């Protein structure tokens, strides 16, 4: 990926743990790498198609001067978040140097580096209590209204039979593709908050629910903890997940299994490897 580099930008700020640092202030040196696609700007020679590094530099200076944080870790993280949200960049590496830090020993500088990016994730949505469509609509709206999330696309809503616990109403299901600054656990907290807004109750395993939101995939992450497993541990067995996922991202990869969504869908439905080479994704669209 292409990148724009801003190195050694001098900014005045009042960041520090000591009261005099917050009162008197000092100089900070900020450098960053902005990962973005510069192809169109390079070919057209049009500033409107580029990330304007002069504007970015002024924003970094103003943000550093107009905010006060105890830690340069916080300054770096908040600044990186703001750059991702404000400008058309995919990833940012940012370094904050504090050459006048009150250490009391000879040194050149102390610095903190942070790296943030928009991460692609796929979220499973389901509901089988009350106004199912309204609950899915609410979840999609809440995802799209969060400044740390970009809603890319949502699959069609499909009606499916209950899975695991049969004595309940049919479900309405879908999958949303998002980009997010959140870590997997931060995203999980966000999804649980949205479920709580729908008054989700967990009384029966795989039982009825107003709203169910699951992280299916998150970048190429493979993790297994008590609270969160990515990729979703049972997604290869769930047609109500794979069918909408194939509609919007047939080649999304489950790195735990080494299989795409389309491969998992076809295997679940008994499609032979020979047919997998000739079938099109159109066969699984809802």
Protein backbone atom coordinates (compact mmCIF):
# COMPACT_ATOMS: atom_id res chain seq x y z
CA UNK A 1 0.00 0.00 0.00
CA UNK A 2 1.19 3.53 -0.78
CA UNK A 3 1.97 5.92 2.04
CA UNK A 4 2.51 9.60 2.75
CA UNK A 5 5.20 10.44 5.30
CA UNK A 6 5.25 13.48 7.58
CA UNK A 7 8.42 13.50 9.64
CA UNK A 8 9.56 15.67 12.52
CA UNK A 9 6.59 18.04 12.83
CA UNK A 10 7.21 20.41 15.75
CA UNK A 11 4.11 21.02 17.89
CA UNK A 12 3.61 22.82 21.19
CA UNK A 13 1.45 21.11 23.79
CA UNK A 14 0.67 20.80 27.49
CA UNK A 15 0.81 17.04 27.92
CA UNK A 16 2.32 15.43 30.96
CA UNK A 17 1.74 14.03 34.43
CA UNK A 18 3.34 16.95 36.29
CA UNK A 19 1.21 20.08 36.92
CA UNK A 20 3.87 22.40 35.48
CA UNK A 21 3.82 20.45 32.21
CA UNK A 22 0.11 21.12 31.88
CA UNK A 23 0.60 24.77 32.79
CA UNK A 24 3.77 25.72 30.91
CA UNK A 25 3.80 23.24 28.05
CA UNK A 26 6.71 22.09 25.88
CA UNK A 27 7.59 21.05 22.35
CA UNK A 28 6.61 17.67 20.93
CA UNK A 29 7.88 16.16 17.70
CA UNK A 30 5.31 14.15 15.75
CA UNK A 31 5.92 11.92 12.75
CA UNK A 32 3.42 9.78 10.90
CA UNK A 33 2.98 7.44 7.96
CA UNK A 34 -0.42 7.61 6.27
CA UNK A 35 -1.24 4.47 4.28
CA UNK A 36 -3.58 5.23 1.39
CA UNK A 37 -4.15 4.75 -2.31
CA UNK A 38 -2.36 7.53 -4.22
CA UNK A 39 -2.87 6.08 -7.72
CA UNK A 40 -5.68 8.39 -8.84
CA UNK A 41 -3.94 11.48 -7.48
CA UNK A 42 -0.66 10.48 -9.12
CA UNK A 43 -2.25 9.88 -12.53
CA UNK A 44 -4.48 12.98 -12.53
CA UNK A 45 -2.06 15.35 -10.76
CA UNK A 46 -5.14 16.63 -8.91
CA UNK A 47 -4.80 17.77 -5.30
CA UNK A 48 -8.50 17.06 -4.72
CA UNK A 49 -7.79 13.35 -5.23
CA UNK A 50 -4.90 13.32 -2.77
CA UNK A 51 -4.54 13.32 1.00
CA UNK A 52 -3.40 16.90 1.55
CA UNK A 53 -0.34 16.57 3.78
CA UNK A 54 -0.29 20.30 4.53
CA UNK A 55 -3.86 20.08 5.85
CA UNK A 56 -2.98 16.94 7.83
CA UNK A 57 0.03 18.68 9.35
CA UNK A 58 -2.07 21.64 10.48
CA UNK A 59 -4.64 19.26 11.98
CA UNK A 60 -1.91 17.43 13.94
CA UNK A 61 -0.54 20.74 15.23
CA UNK A 62 -3.96 22.06 16.24
CA UNK A 63 -4.99 18.81 17.92
CA UNK A 64 -1.74 18.70 19.90
CA UNK A 65 -2.04 22.32 20.98
CA UNK A 66 -5.75 22.34 21.83
CA UNK A 67 -5.94 19.18 23.95
CA UNK A 68 -4.31 18.19 27.24
CA UNK A 69 -3.41 14.61 28.16
CA UNK A 70 -1.31 13.19 30.96
CA UNK A 71 0.27 10.54 28.74
CA UNK A 72 1.84 10.80 25.30
CA UNK A 73 0.40 7.32 24.79
CA UNK A 74 -3.06 8.88 24.98
CA UNK A 75 -2.07 11.76 22.70
CA UNK A 76 -0.74 9.34 20.08
CA UNK A 77 -3.74 7.02 20.21
CA UNK A 78 -6.37 9.78 20.10
CA UNK A 79 -4.55 11.57 17.31
CA UNK A 80 -4.24 8.38 15.25
CA UNK A 81 -7.96 7.71 15.69
CA UNK A 82 -8.86 11.20 14.54
CA UNK A 83 -6.65 10.97 11.46
CA UNK A 84 -8.30 7.69 10.42
CA UNK A 85 -11.77 9.17 10.80
CA UNK A 86 -11.06 12.54 9.19
CA UNK A 87 -9.01 11.54 6.15
CA UNK A 88 -9.26 8.90 3.46
CA UNK A 89 -6.54 6.65 4.83
CA UNK A 90 -6.55 2.95 5.62
CA UNK A 91 -3.81 2.84 8.25
CA UNK A 92 -1.66 5.23 10.25
CA UNK A 93 1.65 4.78 12.07
CA UNK A 94 2.30 7.66 14.43
CA UNK A 95 5.24 8.57 16.67
CA UNK A 96 5.19 11.19 19.42
CA UNK A 97 8.60 12.35 20.70
CA UNK A 98 8.92 14.25 23.96
CA UNK A 99 12.51 15.60 23.89
CA UNK A 100 12.05 17.75 27.03
CA UNK A 101 10.50 15.08 29.24
CA UNK A 102 11.28 15.66 32.96
CA UNK A 103 13.52 12.63 33.43
CA UNK A 104 16.46 14.25 35.27
CA UNK A 105 19.05 12.27 33.31
CA UNK A 106 20.91 12.90 30.04
CA UNK A 107 18.86 11.61 27.09
CA UNK A 108 18.01 12.45 23.50
CA UNK A 109 14.27 11.82 23.50
CA UNK A 110 11.49 9.60 24.77
CA UNK A 111 8.83 8.52 22.31
CA UNK A 112 5.71 6.44 21.86
CA UNK A 113 4.71 4.80 18.60
CA UNK A 114 1.20 3.62 17.78
CA UNK A 115 -0.30 1.92 14.75
CA UNK A 116 -4.03 1.89 13.97
CA UNK A 117 -6.00 0.82 10.92
CA UNK A 118 -9.47 0.18 9.62
CA UNK A 119 -10.05 -3.55 10.13
CA UNK A 120 -12.51 -5.53 8.00
CA UNK A 121 -14.96 -7.65 9.97
CA UNK A 122 -18.14 -9.59 9.22
CA UNK A 123 -21.00 -9.54 11.73
CA UNK A 124 -23.79 -12.12 11.85
CA UNK A 125 -27.24 -10.74 12.71
CA UNK A 126 -30.27 -12.72 13.84
CA UNK A 127 -33.67 -12.25 15.52
CA UNK A 128 -36.69 -14.49 16.20
CA UNK A 129 -38.73 -12.56 18.78
CA UNK A 130 -41.13 -9.70 18.13
CA UNK A 131 -40.58 -7.43 15.14
CA UNK A 132 -37.56 -9.26 13.75
CA UNK A 133 -36.91 -6.88 10.89
CA UNK A 134 -37.08 -3.88 13.21
CA UNK A 135 -34.44 -5.44 15.49
CA UNK A 136 -32.10 -6.12 12.55
CA UNK A 137 -32.71 -2.62 11.20
CA UNK A 138 -31.89 -1.17 14.62
CA UNK A 139 -28.64 -3.15 14.80
CA UNK A 140 -27.57 -2.00 11.34
CA UNK A 141 -28.39 1.61 12.24
CA UNK A 142 -26.40 1.42 15.48
CA UNK A 143 -23.40 -0.03 13.68
CA UNK A 144 -23.49 2.63 10.97
CA UNK A 145 -23.88 5.50 13.47
CA UNK A 146 -20.75 4.59 15.48
CA UNK A 147 -17.84 6.82 14.47
CA UNK A 148 -15.42 3.91 14.99
CA UNK A 149 -17.29 1.74 12.48
CA UNK A 150 -17.88 2.07 8.75
CA UNK A 151 -20.78 -0.02 7.48
CA UNK A 152 -19.73 -1.27 4.03
CA UNK A 153 -22.69 -3.42 3.02
CA UNK A 154 -25.45 -5.63 4.43
CA UNK A 155 -26.76 -8.85 2.90
CA UNK A 156 -30.43 -9.50 2.27
CA UNK A 157 -32.51 -10.54 5.25
CA UNK A 158 -33.42 -14.24 4.97
CA UNK A 159 -35.87 -16.32 7.00
CA UNK A 160 -34.35 -19.51 8.42
CA UNK A 161 -35.33 -22.42 10.60
CA UNK A 162 -34.04 -22.43 14.21
CA UNK A 163 -30.62 -23.97 14.79
CA UNK A 164 -29.65 -26.09 17.80
CA UNK A 165 -32.87 -25.58 19.79
CA UNK A 166 -35.83 -26.40 17.55
CA UNK A 167 -38.78 -25.44 19.77
CA UNK A 168 -38.86 -21.76 18.81
CA UNK A 169 -39.96 -19.44 16.04
CA UNK A 170 -38.07 -19.06 12.75
CA UNK A 171 -35.25 -16.52 12.50
CA UNK A 172 -34.52 -13.54 10.33
CA UNK A 173 -30.80 -13.48 9.56
CA UNK A 174 -28.24 -11.40 7.72
CA UNK A 175 -24.54 -10.53 7.64
CA UNK A 176 -22.97 -7.07 7.68
CA UNK A 177 -19.52 -6.17 6.39
CA UNK A 178 -17.88 -3.41 8.39
CA UNK A 179 -14.56 -1.66 8.81
CA UNK A 180 -13.68 -0.72 12.36
CA UNK A 181 -10.99 0.84 14.50
CA UNK A 182 -12.16 -1.29 17.43
CA UNK A 183 -10.10 -4.25 18.57
CA UNK A 184 -11.96 -7.59 18.59
CA UNK A 185 -12.83 -7.25 22.29
CA UNK A 186 -13.91 -3.63 21.90
CA UNK A 187 -16.11 -4.70 18.99
CA UNK A 188 -17.57 -7.50 21.11
CA UNK A 189 -18.46 -4.96 23.82
CA UNK A 190 -20.14 -2.79 21.19
CA UNK A 191 -22.22 -5.71 19.90
CA UNK A 192 -23.27 -6.69 23.42
CA UNK A 193 -24.33 -3.10 24.05
CA UNK A 194 -26.53 -3.15 20.95
CA UNK A 195 -28.02 -6.50 22.05
CA UNK A 196 -28.77 -4.97 25.45
CA UNK A 197 -30.59 -2.13 23.72
CA UNK A 198 -32.85 -4.81 22.24
CA UNK A 199 -33.30 -6.32 25.74
CA UNK A 200 -31.55 -9.52 24.73
CA UNK A 201 -31.81 -12.25 27.38
CA UNK A 202 -29.63 -15.37 27.57
CA UNK A 203 -31.82 -18.02 29.21
CA UNK A 204 -31.52 -21.00 26.84
CA UNK A 205 -28.42 -21.92 24.84
CA UNK A 206 -29.27 -21.26 21.16
CA UNK A 207 -32.72 -20.23 22.41
CA UNK A 208 -35.08 -17.42 21.35
CA UNK A 209 -33.62 -13.94 21.24
CA UNK A 210 -34.67 -10.47 20.21
CA UNK A 211 -31.24 -9.84 18.70
CA UNK A 212 -28.12 -11.92 18.25
CA UNK A 213 -24.89 -10.34 16.97
CA UNK A 214 -21.76 -12.43 16.36
CA UNK A 215 -18.29 -11.59 15.11
CA UNK A 216 -17.82 -14.10 12.29
CA UNK A 217 -14.48 -12.90 10.90
CA UNK A 218 -12.06 -10.12 11.83
CA UNK A 219 -9.23 -9.49 9.37
CA UNK A 220 -7.00 -12.60 9.38
CA UNK A 221 -7.25 -12.99 13.17
CA UNK A 222 -7.40 -16.50 14.65
CA UNK A 223 -8.01 -16.46 18.40
CA UNK A 224 -9.71 -18.60 21.02
CA UNK A 225 -10.49 -17.18 24.46
CA UNK A 226 -13.16 -17.79 27.07
CA UNK A 227 -15.20 -14.85 25.82
CA UNK A 228 -14.40 -14.72 22.12
CA UNK A 229 -13.42 -17.09 19.34
CA UNK A 230 -12.52 -15.80 15.88
CA UNK A 231 -13.35 -17.04 13.29
CA UNK A 232 -16.74 -17.97 14.75
CA UNK A 233 -16.30 -21.55 15.86
CA UNK A 234 -19.51 -22.89 14.29
CA UNK A 235 -19.89 -20.76 11.18
CA UNK A 236 -19.02 -23.60 8.79
CA UNK A 237 -22.12 -25.48 10.00
CA UNK A 238 -24.56 -22.58 9.71
CA UNK A 239 -26.27 -22.05 6.39
CA UNK A 240 -28.04 -19.00 7.83
CA UNK A 241 -24.58 -17.43 8.23
CA UNK A 242 -22.89 -18.69 5.08
CA UNK A 243 -25.68 -17.88 2.63
CA UNK A 244 -25.82 -14.12 3.38
CA UNK A 245 -22.04 -14.02 3.80
CA UNK A 246 -21.60 -15.49 0.33
CA UNK A 247 -23.94 -12.88 -1.07
CA UNK A 248 -21.65 -10.02 -0.03
CA UNK A 249 -18.22 -11.69 0.36
CA UNK A 250 -17.97 -15.17 -1.15
CA UNK A 251 -14.18 -15.19 -0.86
CA UNK A 252 -13.94 -14.02 2.73
CA UNK A 253 -11.46 -16.40 4.31
CA UNK A 254 -11.84 -18.49 7.45
CA UNK A 255 -8.18 -18.75 8.36
CA UNK A 256 -8.80 -21.36 11.05
CA UNK A 257 -10.09 -23.76 8.38
CA UNK A 258 -8.26 -22.37 5.35
CA UNK A 259 -11.55 -22.10 3.46
CA UNK A 260 -13.56 -19.32 1.88
CA UNK A 261 -17.20 -18.63 2.72
CA UNK A 262 -18.18 -20.09 -0.65
CA UNK A 263 -16.19 -23.29 -0.06
CA UNK A 264 -17.80 -23.73 3.37
CA UNK A 265 -21.28 -23.10 1.94
CA UNK A 266 -20.84 -25.63 -0.85
CA UNK A 267 -19.38 -28.26 1.47
CA UNK A 268 -22.29 -27.78 3.87
CA UNK A 269 -24.68 -28.37 0.99
CA UNK A 270 -22.82 -31.38 -0.37
CA UNK A 271 -21.38 -29.79 -3.50
CA UNK A 272 -18.43 -31.83 -4.81
CA UNK A 273 -14.97 -30.25 -5.32
CA UNK A 274 -15.36 -30.73 -9.09
CA UNK A 275 -18.53 -28.62 -9.12
CA UNK A 276 -16.92 -26.05 -6.87
CA UNK A 277 -14.62 -25.16 -9.76
CA UNK A 278 -17.53 -24.48 -12.12
CA UNK A 279 -20.38 -23.20 -9.95
CA UNK A 280 -20.84 -19.45 -9.60
CA UNK A 281 -21.70 -17.52 -6.48
CA UNK A 282 -25.07 -16.70 -8.01
CA UNK A 283 -26.31 -20.08 -6.79
CA UNK A 284 -26.17 -18.98 -3.16
CA UNK A 285 -27.64 -15.51 -3.33
CA UNK A 286 -30.78 -14.99 -1.28
